[in-house]
């Protein structure tokens, strides 16, 4: 009959610490903090970096069009 190798001290310690955290108020605090942060981020209307850069590109194109229109208007006067 083969027996499983003994767990290392590190594995045992990690297991016990994980169990303590799961059963402690720390887990509740973590869940509450995540929920609070999610609500806060929704209220401040954050955007991703990709969305921000896309808006910058649109703004640059619009500014270019405005400049062209202003130039044409100035030539017509």
Protein backbone atom coordinates (compact mmCIF):
# COMPACT_ATOMS: atom_id res chain seq x y z
CA UNK A 1 0.00 0.00 0.00
CA UNK A 2 1.44 3.35 -1.08
CA UNK A 3 1.01 6.36 1.11
CA UNK A 4 0.84 9.90 -0.17
CA UNK A 5 4.02 11.88 0.37
CA UNK A 6 3.87 14.20 3.36
CA UNK A 7 2.90 17.75 2.55
CA UNK A 8 5.67 20.25 2.77
CA UNK A 9 5.63 22.76 5.58
CA UNK A 10 5.01 25.55 3.07
CA UNK A 11 1.97 23.80 1.56
CA UNK A 12 0.51 23.16 5.00
CA UNK A 13 1.08 26.76 6.08
CA UNK A 14 -0.44 28.10 2.87
CA UNK A 15 -3.47 25.87 3.30
CA UNK A 16 -4.03 26.98 6.88
CA UNK A 17 -3.62 30.68 6.06
CA UNK A 18 -6.05 30.36 3.15
CA UNK A 19 -8.56 28.63 5.41
CA UNK A 20 -8.19 31.33 8.07
CA UNK A 21 -8.76 34.07 5.49
CA UNK A 22 -11.81 32.30 4.07
CA UNK A 23 -13.33 32.06 7.54
CA UNK A 24 -12.35 35.52 8.72
CA UNK A 25 -13.95 38.91 8.24
CA UNK A 26 -11.20 39.64 5.69
CA UNK A 27 -13.18 37.80 3.01
CA UNK A 28 -16.27 39.90 3.76
CA UNK A 29 -14.22 43.08 3.76
CA UNK A 30 -12.71 42.17 0.38
CA UNK A 31 -16.15 41.49 -1.14
CA UNK A 32 -17.53 44.74 0.29
CA UNK A 33 -14.56 46.75 -0.99
CA UNK A 34 -14.92 45.26 -4.49
CA UNK A 35 -18.62 46.13 -4.54
CA UNK A 36 -17.93 49.65 -3.27
CA UNK A 37 -15.24 50.22 -5.88
CA UNK A 38 -17.47 48.89 -8.67
CA UNK A 39 -20.26 51.28 -7.64
CA UNK A 40 -17.84 54.20 -7.44
CA UNK A 41 -16.39 53.48 -10.88
CA UNK A 42 -19.88 53.32 -12.38
CA UNK A 43 -20.78 56.71 -10.91
CA UNK A 44 -17.67 58.47 -12.22
CA UNK A 45 -18.19 57.14 -15.76
CA UNK A 46 -14.67 55.85 -16.32
CA UNK A 47 -13.67 54.78 -19.81
CA UNK A 48 -11.01 52.41 -21.01
CA UNK A 49 -7.78 53.68 -22.50
CA UNK A 50 -8.90 52.38 -25.93
CA UNK A 51 -12.17 54.33 -25.71
CA UNK A 52 -10.28 57.46 -24.67
CA UNK A 53 -7.83 57.16 -27.57
CA UNK A 54 -10.67 56.57 -30.02
CA UNK A 55 -12.34 59.77 -28.81
CA UNK A 56 -9.06 61.66 -29.20
CA UNK A 57 -8.81 60.46 -32.80
CA UNK A 58 -12.39 61.55 -33.51
CA UNK A 59 -11.71 64.93 -31.97
CA UNK A 60 -8.59 65.39 -34.10
CA UNK A 61 -10.54 64.53 -37.27
CA UNK A 62 -13.33 66.94 -36.31
CA UNK A 63 -10.82 69.70 -35.59
CA UNK A 64 -9.27 69.13 -39.01
CA UNK A 65 -12.69 69.44 -40.66
CA UNK A 66 -13.44 72.63 -38.73
CA UNK A 67 -10.09 74.08 -39.84
CA UNK A 68 -10.87 73.21 -43.49
CA UNK A 69 -14.33 74.80 -43.27
CA UNK A 70 -12.91 77.94 -41.66
CA UNK A 71 -10.30 78.14 -44.41
CA UNK A 72 -12.95 77.84 -47.13
CA UNK A 73 -15.10 80.48 -45.44
CA UNK A 74 -12.10 82.83 -45.19
CA UNK A 75 -11.37 82.36 -48.92
CA UNK A 76 -14.99 83.14 -49.80
CA UNK A 77 -14.91 86.53 -48.08
